[in-house]
C-alpha atoms as a PDB file:
ATOM      1  CA  UNK A   1      16.503  38.838  83.570  1.00  0.00           C
ATOM      2  CA  UNK A   2      16.678  40.126  80.022  1.00  0.00           C
ATOM      3  CA  UNK A   3      13.494  40.498  78.036  1.00  0.00           C
ATOM      4  CA  UNK A   4      14.830  38.256  75.208  1.00  0.00           C
ATOM      5  CA  UNK A   5      15.243  35.121  77.333  1.00  0.00           C
ATOM      6  CA  UNK A   6      12.409  32.671  77.669  1.00  0.00           C
ATOM      7  CA  UNK A   7      11.225  31.221  80.932  1.00  0.00           C
ATOM      8  CA  UNK A   8      11.930  27.568  81.595  1.00  0.00           C
ATOM      9  CA  UNK A   9       8.902  25.270  81.657  1.00  0.00           C
ATOM     10  CA  UNK A  10       8.280  23.377  84.895  1.00  0.00           C
ATOM     11  CA  UNK A  11       9.219  19.694  85.066  1.00  0.00           C
ATOM     12  CA  UNK A  12       6.553  17.146  84.285  1.00  0.00           C
ATOM     13  CA  UNK A  13       4.917  15.830  87.440  1.00  0.00           C
ATOM     14  CA  UNK A  14       4.406  12.127  88.059  1.00  0.00           C
ATOM     15  CA  UNK A  15       0.678  12.523  87.357  1.00  0.00           C
ATOM     16  CA  UNK A  16       1.423  14.209  84.024  1.00  0.00           C
ATOM     17  CA  UNK A  17       3.793  11.390  83.045  1.00  0.00           C
ATOM     18  CA  UNK A  18       1.240   8.734  84.016  1.00  0.00           C
ATOM     19  CA  UNK A  19      -1.471  10.540  82.044  1.00  0.00           C
ATOM     20  CA  UNK A  20       0.824  10.822  79.036  1.00  0.00           C
ATOM     21  CA  UNK A  21       1.665   7.106  79.163  1.00  0.00           C
ATOM     22  CA  UNK A  22      -1.985   6.108  79.567  1.00  0.00           C
ATOM     23  CA  UNK A  23      -3.090   8.249  76.611  1.00  0.00           C
ATOM     24  CA  UNK A  24      -0.224   7.161  74.357  1.00  0.00           C
ATOM     25  CA  UNK A  25      -0.943   3.513  75.171  1.00  0.00           C
ATOM     26  CA  UNK A  26      -4.638   4.018  74.442  1.00  0.00           C
ATOM     27  CA  UNK A  27      -3.864   5.632  71.059  1.00  0.00           C
ATOM     28  CA  UNK A  28      -0.783   3.644  70.070  1.00  0.00           C
ATOM     29  CA  UNK A  29      -2.505   2.082  67.059  1.00  0.00           C
ATOM     30  CA  UNK A  30      -2.787   5.531  65.480  1.00  0.00           C
ATOM     31  CA  UNK A  31       0.406   7.117  66.817  1.00  0.00           C
ATOM     32  CA  UNK A  32       2.806   4.305  65.901  1.00  0.00           C
ATOM     33  CA  UNK A  33       1.257   3.147  62.638  1.00  0.00           C
ATOM     34  CA  UNK A  34       2.773   4.004  59.312  1.00  0.00           C
ATOM     35  CA  UNK A  35       0.965   6.554  57.215  1.00  0.00           C
ATOM     36  CA  UNK A  36      -1.678   4.960  55.016  1.00  0.00           C
ATOM     37  CA  UNK A  37      -5.133   5.644  53.657  1.00  0.00           C
ATOM     38  CA  UNK A  38      -6.632   4.809  57.072  1.00  0.00           C
ATOM     39  CA  UNK A  39      -4.044   6.628  59.204  1.00  0.00           C
ATOM     40  CA  UNK A  40      -3.058  10.047  58.017  1.00  0.00           C
ATOM     41  CA  UNK A  41      -0.765  12.666  59.435  1.00  0.00           C
ATOM     42  CA  UNK A  42      -3.766  14.822  60.335  1.00  0.00           C
ATOM     43  CA  UNK A  43      -5.230  11.922  62.357  1.00  0.00           C
ATOM     44  CA  UNK A  44      -1.976  11.680  64.297  1.00  0.00           C
ATOM     45  CA  UNK A  45      -2.005  15.443  64.898  1.00  0.00           C
ATOM     46  CA  UNK A  46      -5.578  15.246  66.221  1.00  0.00           C
ATOM     47  CA  UNK A  47      -4.582  12.470  68.628  1.00  0.00           C
ATOM     48  CA  UNK A  48      -1.579  14.460  69.900  1.00  0.00           C
ATOM     49  CA  UNK A  49      -3.841  17.507  70.356  1.00  0.00           C
ATOM     50  CA  UNK A  50      -6.308  15.465  72.407  1.00  0.00           C
ATOM     51  CA  UNK A  51      -3.430  14.098  74.518  1.00  0.00           C
ATOM     52  CA  UNK A  52      -2.207  17.665  75.013  1.00  0.00           C
ATOM     53  CA  UNK A  53      -5.676  18.784  76.144  1.00  0.00           C
ATOM     54  CA  UNK A  54      -5.833  15.955  78.701  1.00  0.00           C
ATOM     55  CA  UNK A  55      -2.313  16.770  79.894  1.00  0.00           C
ATOM     56  CA  UNK A  56      -3.227  20.409  80.418  1.00  0.00           C
ATOM     57  CA  UNK A  57      -6.388  19.445  82.307  1.00  0.00           C
ATOM     58  CA  UNK A  58      -4.434  17.404  84.869  1.00  0.00           C
ATOM     59  CA  UNK A  59      -1.610  19.950  85.121  1.00  0.00           C
ATOM     60  CA  UNK A  60      -1.361  21.253  88.700  1.00  0.00           C
ATOM     61  CA  UNK A  61       1.173  24.017  87.951  1.00  0.00           C
ATOM     62  CA  UNK A  62      -1.106  26.002  85.676  1.00  0.00           C
ATOM     63  CA  UNK A  63       1.473  25.898  82.888  1.00  0.00           C
ATOM     64  CA  UNK A  64      -0.165  25.237  79.523  1.00  0.00           C
ATOM     65  CA  UNK A  65       1.940  22.773  77.587  1.00  0.00           C
ATOM     66  CA  UNK A  66       2.085  22.719  73.802  1.00  0.00           C
ATOM     67  CA  UNK A  67       1.763  19.665  71.598  1.00  0.00           C
ATOM     68  CA  UNK A  68       5.475  19.942  70.792  1.00  0.00           C
ATOM     69  CA  UNK A  69       6.353  19.811  74.505  1.00  0.00           C
ATOM     70  CA  UNK A  70       4.183  16.731  74.997  1.00  0.00           C
ATOM     71  CA  UNK A  71       5.672  14.940  71.977  1.00  0.00           C
ATOM     72  CA  UNK A  72       9.209  15.863  73.056  1.00  0.00           C
ATOM     73  CA  UNK A  73       8.542  14.516  76.552  1.00  0.00           C
ATOM     74  CA  UNK A  74       7.210  11.251  75.135  1.00  0.00           C
ATOM     75  CA  UNK A  75      10.208  10.847  72.834  1.00  0.00           C
ATOM     76  CA  UNK A  76      12.807  11.551  75.509  1.00  0.00           C
ATOM     77  CA  UNK A  77      11.039   9.422  78.123  1.00  0.00           C
ATOM     78  CA  UNK A  78      10.773   6.500  75.696  1.00  0.00           C
ATOM     79  CA  UNK A  79      14.438   6.764  74.642  1.00  0.00           C
ATOM     80  CA  UNK A  80      15.690   7.062  78.228  1.00  0.00           C
ATOM     81  CA  UNK A  81      13.585   4.059  79.226  1.00  0.00           C
ATOM     82  CA  UNK A  82      14.912   1.979  76.341  1.00  0.00           C
ATOM     83  CA  UNK A  83      18.488   2.891  77.282  1.00  0.00           C
ATOM     84  CA  UNK A  84      17.872   2.051  80.925  1.00  0.00           C
ATOM     85  CA  UNK A  85      16.271  -1.297  80.048  1.00  0.00           C
ATOM     86  CA  UNK A  86      19.107  -2.190  77.681  1.00  0.00           C
ATOM     87  CA  UNK A  87      21.691  -1.277  80.318  1.00  0.00           C
ATOM     88  CA  UNK A  88      19.837  -3.304  82.932  1.00  0.00           C
ATOM     89  CA  UNK A  89      19.721  -6.363  80.668  1.00  0.00           C
ATOM     90  CA  UNK A  90      23.384  -5.994  79.765  1.00  0.00           C
ATOM     91  CA  UNK A  91      24.431  -5.622  83.399  1.00  0.00           C
ATOM     92  CA  UNK A  92      22.337  -8.601  84.484  1.00  0.00           C
ATOM     93  CA  UNK A  93      24.368 -10.859  82.166  1.00  0.00           C
ATOM     94  CA  UNK A  94      27.706  -9.720  83.603  1.00  0.00           C
ATOM     95  CA  UNK A  95      29.588 -11.539  86.280  1.00  0.00           C
ATOM     96  CA  UNK A  96      31.545 -10.121  89.161  1.00  0.00           C
ATOM     97  CA  UNK A  97      30.961  -7.721  91.971  1.00  0.00           C
ATOM     98  CA  UNK A  98      29.390  -4.365  92.180  1.00  0.00           C
ATOM     99  CA  UNK A  99      25.912  -3.197  92.946  1.00  0.00           C
ATOM    100  CA  UNK A 100      23.042  -4.566  90.859  1.00  0.00           C
ATOM    101  CA  UNK A 101      21.444  -2.213  88.339  1.00  0.00           C
ATOM    102  CA  UNK A 102      18.435  -0.243  89.515  1.00  0.00           C
ATOM    103  CA  UNK A 103      15.037  -1.671  88.670  1.00  0.00           C
ATOM    104  CA  UNK A 104      12.718   0.035  86.227  1.00  0.00           C
ATOM    105  CA  UNK A 105       9.914   2.123  87.692  1.00  0.00           C
ATOM    106  CA  UNK A 106       6.302   1.030  87.083  1.00  0.00           C
ATOM    107  CA  UNK A 107       5.936   3.790  84.461  1.00  0.00           C
ATOM    108  CA  UNK A 108       9.076   2.589  82.672  1.00  0.00           C
ATOM    109  CA  UNK A 109       7.792  -1.003  82.801  1.00  0.00           C
ATOM    110  CA  UNK A 110       4.595   0.245  81.142  1.00  0.00           C
ATOM    111  CA  UNK A 111       6.572   1.900  78.339  1.00  0.00           C
ATOM    112  CA  UNK A 112       8.620  -1.256  77.755  1.00  0.00           C
ATOM    113  CA  UNK A 113       5.379  -3.229  77.728  1.00  0.00           C
ATOM    114  CA  UNK A 114       3.800  -1.390  74.842  1.00  0.00           C
ATOM    115  CA  UNK A 115       6.898  -0.718  72.750  1.00  0.00           C
ATOM    116  CA  UNK A 116       7.837  -4.367  73.164  1.00  0.00           C
ATOM    117  CA  UNK A 117       8.583  -5.099  69.519  1.00  0.00           C
ATOM    118  CA  UNK A 118      11.001  -2.173  69.273  1.00  0.00           C
ATOM    119  CA  UNK A 119      14.591  -3.431  69.589  1.00  0.00           C
ATOM    120  CA  UNK A 120      16.155  -2.779  72.968  1.00  0.00           C
ATOM    121  CA  UNK A 121      19.021  -5.241  73.017  1.00  0.00           C
ATOM    122  CA  UNK A 122      20.004  -4.972  69.387  1.00  0.00           C
ATOM    123  CA  UNK A 123      20.623  -7.782  66.953  1.00  0.00           C
ATOM    124  CA  UNK A 124      21.240 -11.195  68.514  1.00  0.00           C
ATOM    125  CA  UNK A 125      24.821 -12.210  67.812  1.00  0.00           C
ATOM    126  CA  UNK A 126      25.619  -8.701  66.588  1.00  0.00           C
ATOM    127  CA  UNK A 127      28.748  -6.711  67.342  1.00  0.00           C
ATOM    128  CA  UNK A 128      28.679  -4.398  70.374  1.00  0.00           C
ATOM    129  CA  UNK A 129      30.377  -1.208  69.231  1.00  0.00           C
ATOM    130  CA  UNK A 130      30.339   0.328  72.704  1.00  0.00           C
ATOM    131  CA  UNK A 131      33.127  -2.004  73.767  1.00  0.00           C
ATOM    132  CA  UNK A 132      36.772  -1.404  72.935  1.00  0.00           C
ATOM    133  CA  UNK A 133      37.455  -2.407  69.326  1.00  0.00           C
ATOM    134  CA  UNK A 134      40.089  -4.980  68.553  1.00  0.00           C
ATOM    135  CA  UNK A 135      43.223  -3.751  66.849  1.00  0.00           C
ATOM    136  CA  UNK A 136      43.279  -4.703  63.174  1.00  0.00           C
ATOM    137  CA  UNK A 137      46.063  -7.121  62.278  1.00  0.00           C
ATOM    138  CA  UNK A 138      49.206  -5.364  61.139  1.00  0.00           C
ATOM    139  CA  UNK A 139      50.329  -6.485  57.696  1.00  0.00           C
ATOM    140  CA  UNK A 140      53.653  -5.634  56.188  1.00  0.00           C
ATOM    141  CA  UNK A 141      54.019  -4.681  52.557  1.00  0.00           C
ATOM    142  CA  UNK A 142      55.101  -7.687  50.531  1.00  0.00           C
ATOM    143  CA  UNK A 143      58.211  -7.502  48.396  1.00  0.00           C
ATOM    144  CA  UNK A 144      56.246  -8.792  45.376  1.00  0.00           C
ATOM    145  CA  UNK A 145      54.219  -5.569  45.251  1.00  0.00           C
ATOM    146  CA  UNK A 146      54.451  -2.908  42.523  1.00  0.00           C
ATOM    147  CA  UNK A 147      57.965  -1.665  41.886  1.00  0.00           C
ATOM    148  CA  UNK A 148      57.072   2.053  42.012  1.00  0.00           C
ATOM    149  CA  UNK A 149      56.126   1.807  45.707  1.00  0.00           C
ATOM    150  CA  UNK A 150      59.177   1.991  47.895  1.00  0.00           C
ATOM    151  CA  UNK A 151      59.800   2.134  51.615  1.00  0.00           C
ATOM    152  CA  UNK A 152      61.387   5.552  51.228  1.00  0.00           C
ATOM    153  CA  UNK A 153      58.060   6.925  50.061  1.00  0.00           C
ATOM    154  CA  UNK A 154      59.632   8.942  47.265  1.00  0.00           C
ATOM    155  CA  UNK A 155      56.773   8.230  44.854  1.00  0.00           C
ATOM    156  CA  UNK A 156      54.032   8.133  47.553  1.00  0.00           C
ATOM    157  CA  UNK A 157      52.350  10.925  49.422  1.00  0.00           C
ATOM    158  CA  UNK A 158      52.798  10.983  53.194  1.00  0.00           C
ATOM    159  CA  UNK A 159      49.809   8.721  53.950  1.00  0.00           C
ATOM    160  CA  UNK A 160      51.011   5.771  51.833  1.00  0.00           C
ATOM    161  CA  UNK A 161      53.231   4.362  54.559  1.00  0.00           C
ATOM    162  CA  UNK A 162      50.310   3.953  56.946  1.00  0.00           C
ATOM    163  CA  UNK A 163      48.215   2.381  54.173  1.00  0.00           C
ATOM    164  CA  UNK A 164      50.990  -0.038  53.264  1.00  0.00           C
ATOM    165  CA  UNK A 165      50.801  -1.596  56.709  1.00  0.00           C
ATOM    166  CA  UNK A 166      47.336  -2.947  55.938  1.00  0.00           C
ATOM    167  CA  UNK A 167      47.835  -3.998  52.286  1.00  0.00           C
END
């Protein structure tokens, strides 16, 4: 191994994840509030440092985790949980065969419980952009258009023909 490469940190254990979730839930009023005169950025940093200290005290591997590692783990775990919950809800509304979606773990249920007001499903009645988009209607250029635009494209650059279809 070269001296310039850094060693990979060990994975978070289940106990570390449970401790992280418990501490974030306990301090969510400070961590998730907007900055104001009562909640400052330094208060949030102090809370993350205390969470980091508790994480390192329950760490069985002996690896000392930094505040950045703890915050990154929280962010990725929360985002993955939200994606999994959204996928589960979407799949539960579908019809047809196939295996049912996997249930959320108790830790993931806890995360969904205390980020409850954060959108998971999106806007009701909104457009799902993950599905195949419909083709836009093809319109032909009308003959009553400007006289300097011709089908031969002599007065138009190369992209005009494709634009004319939608005018």
